[in-house]
């Protein structure tokens, strides 16, 4: 199967991310994605790979050879996923931002600053050796 025959939807999660949604804003082939640029809503959008295409080809060829030799056996699934049970997505909880005063931050820095015993180099002396 060629890259021009494999298609993927382009989904915009920017407006609906917390709600697990996403608007489908286009459909492009892998060949389009590999070209470095796709057109969405009349605008050219740069594309890039998150994995190595050449390494994927090497791995697929290796796997193909292992299957042909009988060294990598394909079996039926050990157990199917339950169909009577719904899969629930992970809930993303919003994190509350706490406003800290300068005094609170200073106190936290002082409390978390490493304590050195007599005879040990202090923080600055220890890091000057690096």
C-alpha atoms as a PDB file:
ATOM      1  CA  UNK A   1       0.000   0.000   0.000  1.00  0.00           C
ATOM      2  CA  UNK A   2       1.379   3.400  -0.950  1.00  0.00           C
ATOM      3  CA  UNK A   3       1.390   6.572   1.131  1.00  0.00           C
ATOM      4  CA  UNK A   4      -0.974   8.147  -1.407  1.00  0.00           C
ATOM      5  CA  UNK A   5      -3.549   5.448  -0.545  1.00  0.00           C
ATOM      6  CA  UNK A   6      -3.461   5.965   3.236  1.00  0.00           C
ATOM      7  CA  UNK A   7      -5.547   8.839   4.560  1.00  0.00           C
ATOM      8  CA  UNK A   8      -5.812  10.548   7.929  1.00  0.00           C
ATOM      9  CA  UNK A   9      -8.199  13.134   9.278  1.00  0.00           C
ATOM     10  CA  UNK A  10      -6.757  16.423  10.464  1.00  0.00           C
ATOM     11  CA  UNK A  11      -8.375  17.302  13.780  1.00  0.00           C
ATOM     12  CA  UNK A  12      -8.301  20.686  15.480  1.00  0.00           C
ATOM     13  CA  UNK A  13      -8.238  20.169  19.239  1.00  0.00           C
ATOM     14  CA  UNK A  14      -7.521  23.803  20.082  1.00  0.00           C
ATOM     15  CA  UNK A  15     -11.074  24.838  20.915  1.00  0.00           C
ATOM     16  CA  UNK A  16     -12.440  21.616  22.399  1.00  0.00           C
ATOM     17  CA  UNK A  17      -9.426  20.003  24.086  1.00  0.00           C
ATOM     18  CA  UNK A  18     -10.722  19.746  27.652  1.00  0.00           C
ATOM     19  CA  UNK A  19     -13.981  18.216  26.415  1.00  0.00           C
ATOM     20  CA  UNK A  20     -12.181  15.452  24.466  1.00  0.00           C
ATOM     21  CA  UNK A  21     -13.635  16.676  21.217  1.00  0.00           C
ATOM     22  CA  UNK A  22     -12.113  17.963  18.077  1.00  0.00           C
ATOM     23  CA  UNK A  23     -13.323  19.371  14.819  1.00  0.00           C
ATOM     24  CA  UNK A  24     -12.289  17.551  11.651  1.00  0.00           C
ATOM     25  CA  UNK A  25     -10.842  20.280   9.450  1.00  0.00           C
ATOM     26  CA  UNK A  26      -9.483  18.156   6.631  1.00  0.00           C
ATOM     27  CA  UNK A  27      -8.463  14.798   5.270  1.00  0.00           C
ATOM     28  CA  UNK A  28      -4.999  14.270   3.814  1.00  0.00           C
ATOM     29  CA  UNK A  29      -2.923  11.378   2.538  1.00  0.00           C
ATOM     30  CA  UNK A  30       0.333  10.290   4.100  1.00  0.00           C
ATOM     31  CA  UNK A  31       2.012  11.360   0.854  1.00  0.00           C
ATOM     32  CA  UNK A  32       0.634  14.865   1.406  1.00  0.00           C
ATOM     33  CA  UNK A  33       1.911  14.844   4.977  1.00  0.00           C
ATOM     34  CA  UNK A  34       5.367  13.670   3.891  1.00  0.00           C
ATOM     35  CA  UNK A  35       5.577  16.426   1.270  1.00  0.00           C
ATOM     36  CA  UNK A  36       6.193  18.971   4.040  1.00  0.00           C
ATOM     37  CA  UNK A  37       3.080  21.033   3.432  1.00  0.00           C
ATOM     38  CA  UNK A  38      -0.681  20.540   3.271  1.00  0.00           C
ATOM     39  CA  UNK A  39      -3.486  22.933   2.464  1.00  0.00           C
ATOM     40  CA  UNK A  40      -6.179  23.470   5.109  1.00  0.00           C
ATOM     41  CA  UNK A  41      -8.940  26.032   4.710  1.00  0.00           C
ATOM     42  CA  UNK A  42      -7.062  27.538   1.773  1.00  0.00           C
ATOM     43  CA  UNK A  43      -3.868  28.061   3.796  1.00  0.00           C
ATOM     44  CA  UNK A  44      -0.554  26.253   3.422  1.00  0.00           C
ATOM     45  CA  UNK A  45       0.392  24.499   6.676  1.00  0.00           C
ATOM     46  CA  UNK A  46       3.852  23.044   7.284  1.00  0.00           C
ATOM     47  CA  UNK A  47       4.028  19.381   8.282  1.00  0.00           C
ATOM     48  CA  UNK A  48       6.735  17.362   9.951  1.00  0.00           C
ATOM     49  CA  UNK A  49       7.312  13.834  11.076  1.00  0.00           C
ATOM     50  CA  UNK A  50       7.348  12.752  14.710  1.00  0.00           C
ATOM     51  CA  UNK A  51       9.150   9.535  13.813  1.00  0.00           C
ATOM     52  CA  UNK A  52      11.786   8.360  11.381  1.00  0.00           C
ATOM     53  CA  UNK A  53      10.292   7.111   8.120  1.00  0.00           C
ATOM     54  CA  UNK A  54      13.532   5.393   7.092  1.00  0.00           C
ATOM     55  CA  UNK A  55      13.771   3.559  10.412  1.00  0.00           C
ATOM     56  CA  UNK A  56      10.132   2.477  10.125  1.00  0.00           C
ATOM     57  CA  UNK A  57      10.859   1.012   6.674  1.00  0.00           C
ATOM     58  CA  UNK A  58      13.896  -0.875   8.033  1.00  0.00           C
ATOM     59  CA  UNK A  59      11.856  -2.237  10.944  1.00  0.00           C
ATOM     60  CA  UNK A  60       8.995  -3.308   8.659  1.00  0.00           C
ATOM     61  CA  UNK A  61      11.427  -5.110   6.328  1.00  0.00           C
ATOM     62  CA  UNK A  62      13.067  -6.831   9.305  1.00  0.00           C
ATOM     63  CA  UNK A  63       9.688  -7.902  10.655  1.00  0.00           C
ATOM     64  CA  UNK A  64       8.615  -9.129   7.213  1.00  0.00           C
ATOM     65  CA  UNK A  65      11.735 -11.319   6.964  1.00  0.00           C
ATOM     66  CA  UNK A  66      11.215 -12.701  10.488  1.00  0.00           C
ATOM     67  CA  UNK A  67       7.617 -13.633   9.626  1.00  0.00           C
ATOM     68  CA  UNK A  68       8.717 -15.303   6.365  1.00  0.00           C
ATOM     69  CA  UNK A  69      11.362 -17.364   8.220  1.00  0.00           C
ATOM     70  CA  UNK A  70       8.813 -18.389  10.852  1.00  0.00           C
ATOM     71  CA  UNK A  71      10.816 -16.713  13.612  1.00  0.00           C
ATOM     72  CA  UNK A  72       8.000 -14.270  14.415  1.00  0.00           C
ATOM     73  CA  UNK A  73       4.719 -16.120  14.643  1.00  0.00           C
ATOM     74  CA  UNK A  74       1.388 -14.411  14.241  1.00  0.00           C
ATOM     75  CA  UNK A  75      -1.310 -15.865  16.482  1.00  0.00           C
ATOM     76  CA  UNK A  76      -4.949 -15.233  17.123  1.00  0.00           C
ATOM     77  CA  UNK A  77      -5.609 -12.762  19.968  1.00  0.00           C
ATOM     78  CA  UNK A  78      -5.240 -14.342  23.388  1.00  0.00           C
ATOM     79  CA  UNK A  79      -8.275 -12.462  24.686  1.00  0.00           C
ATOM     80  CA  UNK A  80     -10.574  -9.987  23.004  1.00  0.00           C
ATOM     81  CA  UNK A  81     -11.479  -6.677  24.548  1.00  0.00           C
ATOM     82  CA  UNK A  82     -14.876  -6.787  26.276  1.00  0.00           C
ATOM     83  CA  UNK A  83     -17.673  -5.500  24.069  1.00  0.00           C
ATOM     84  CA  UNK A  84     -20.251  -5.255  26.844  1.00  0.00           C
ATOM     85  CA  UNK A  85     -18.120  -2.797  28.772  1.00  0.00           C
ATOM     86  CA  UNK A  86     -17.618   0.771  27.629  1.00  0.00           C
ATOM     87  CA  UNK A  87     -14.127   2.220  27.566  1.00  0.00           C
ATOM     88  CA  UNK A  88     -13.889   5.371  29.618  1.00  0.00           C
ATOM     89  CA  UNK A  89     -11.393   8.077  28.731  1.00  0.00           C
ATOM     90  CA  UNK A  90      -9.020   9.556  31.241  1.00  0.00           C
ATOM     91  CA  UNK A  91     -10.476  12.655  32.858  1.00  0.00           C
ATOM     92  CA  UNK A  92      -8.220  15.676  32.580  1.00  0.00           C
ATOM     93  CA  UNK A  93      -8.678  17.839  35.625  1.00  0.00           C
ATOM     94  CA  UNK A  94      -7.897  21.507  35.484  1.00  0.00           C
ATOM     95  CA  UNK A  95      -5.146  22.578  37.816  1.00  0.00           C
ATOM     96  CA  UNK A  96      -5.857  25.607  39.939  1.00  0.00           C
ATOM     97  CA  UNK A  97      -3.225  28.270  39.603  1.00  0.00           C
ATOM     98  CA  UNK A  98      -2.107  29.606  42.936  1.00  0.00           C
ATOM     99  CA  UNK A  99      -0.906  33.145  43.143  1.00  0.00           C
ATOM    100  CA  UNK A 100       2.183  33.369  45.304  1.00  0.00           C
ATOM    101  CA  UNK A 101       3.518  36.447  46.963  1.00  0.00           C
ATOM    102  CA  UNK A 102       7.233  37.229  46.883  1.00  0.00           C
ATOM    103  CA  UNK A 103       7.377  36.353  50.589  1.00  0.00           C
ATOM    104  CA  UNK A 104       5.813  32.908  50.003  1.00  0.00           C
ATOM    105  CA  UNK A 105       8.223  32.087  47.171  1.00  0.00           C
ATOM    106  CA  UNK A 106      11.236  33.323  49.164  1.00  0.00           C
ATOM    107  CA  UNK A 107      10.227  31.223  52.169  1.00  0.00           C
ATOM    108  CA  UNK A 108       9.813  28.128  49.968  1.00  0.00           C
ATOM    109  CA  UNK A 109      13.251  28.665  48.369  1.00  0.00           C
ATOM    110  CA  UNK A 110      14.905  29.065  51.774  1.00  0.00           C
ATOM    111  CA  UNK A 111      13.172  25.994  53.214  1.00  0.00           C
ATOM    112  CA  UNK A 112      14.111  23.844  50.211  1.00  0.00           C
ATOM    113  CA  UNK A 113      17.687  25.075  49.883  1.00  0.00           C
ATOM    114  CA  UNK A 114      20.139  22.251  50.676  1.00  0.00           C
ATOM    115  CA  UNK A 115      21.638  22.331  54.154  1.00  0.00           C
ATOM    116  CA  UNK A 116      25.393  21.725  54.425  1.00  0.00           C
ATOM    117  CA  UNK A 117      27.275  20.555  57.502  1.00  0.00           C
ATOM    118  CA  UNK A 118      30.480  22.135  58.731  1.00  0.00           C
ATOM    119  CA  UNK A 119      33.408  21.060  56.599  1.00  0.00           C
ATOM    120  CA  UNK A 120      31.265  20.351  53.534  1.00  0.00           C
ATOM    121  CA  UNK A 121      31.539  22.663  50.543  1.00  0.00           C
ATOM    122  CA  UNK A 122      28.623  25.034  50.229  1.00  0.00           C
ATOM    123  CA  UNK A 123      26.307  25.035  47.221  1.00  0.00           C
ATOM    124  CA  UNK A 124      28.402  27.436  45.166  1.00  0.00           C
ATOM    125  CA  UNK A 125      31.723  25.721  45.949  1.00  0.00           C
ATOM    126  CA  UNK A 126      30.252  22.302  45.099  1.00  0.00           C
ATOM    127  CA  UNK A 127      28.995  23.502  41.716  1.00  0.00           C
ATOM    128  CA  UNK A 128      32.163  25.384  40.765  1.00  0.00           C
ATOM    129  CA  UNK A 129      33.984  22.049  40.465  1.00  0.00           C
ATOM    130  CA  UNK A 130      31.656  20.829  37.727  1.00  0.00           C
END
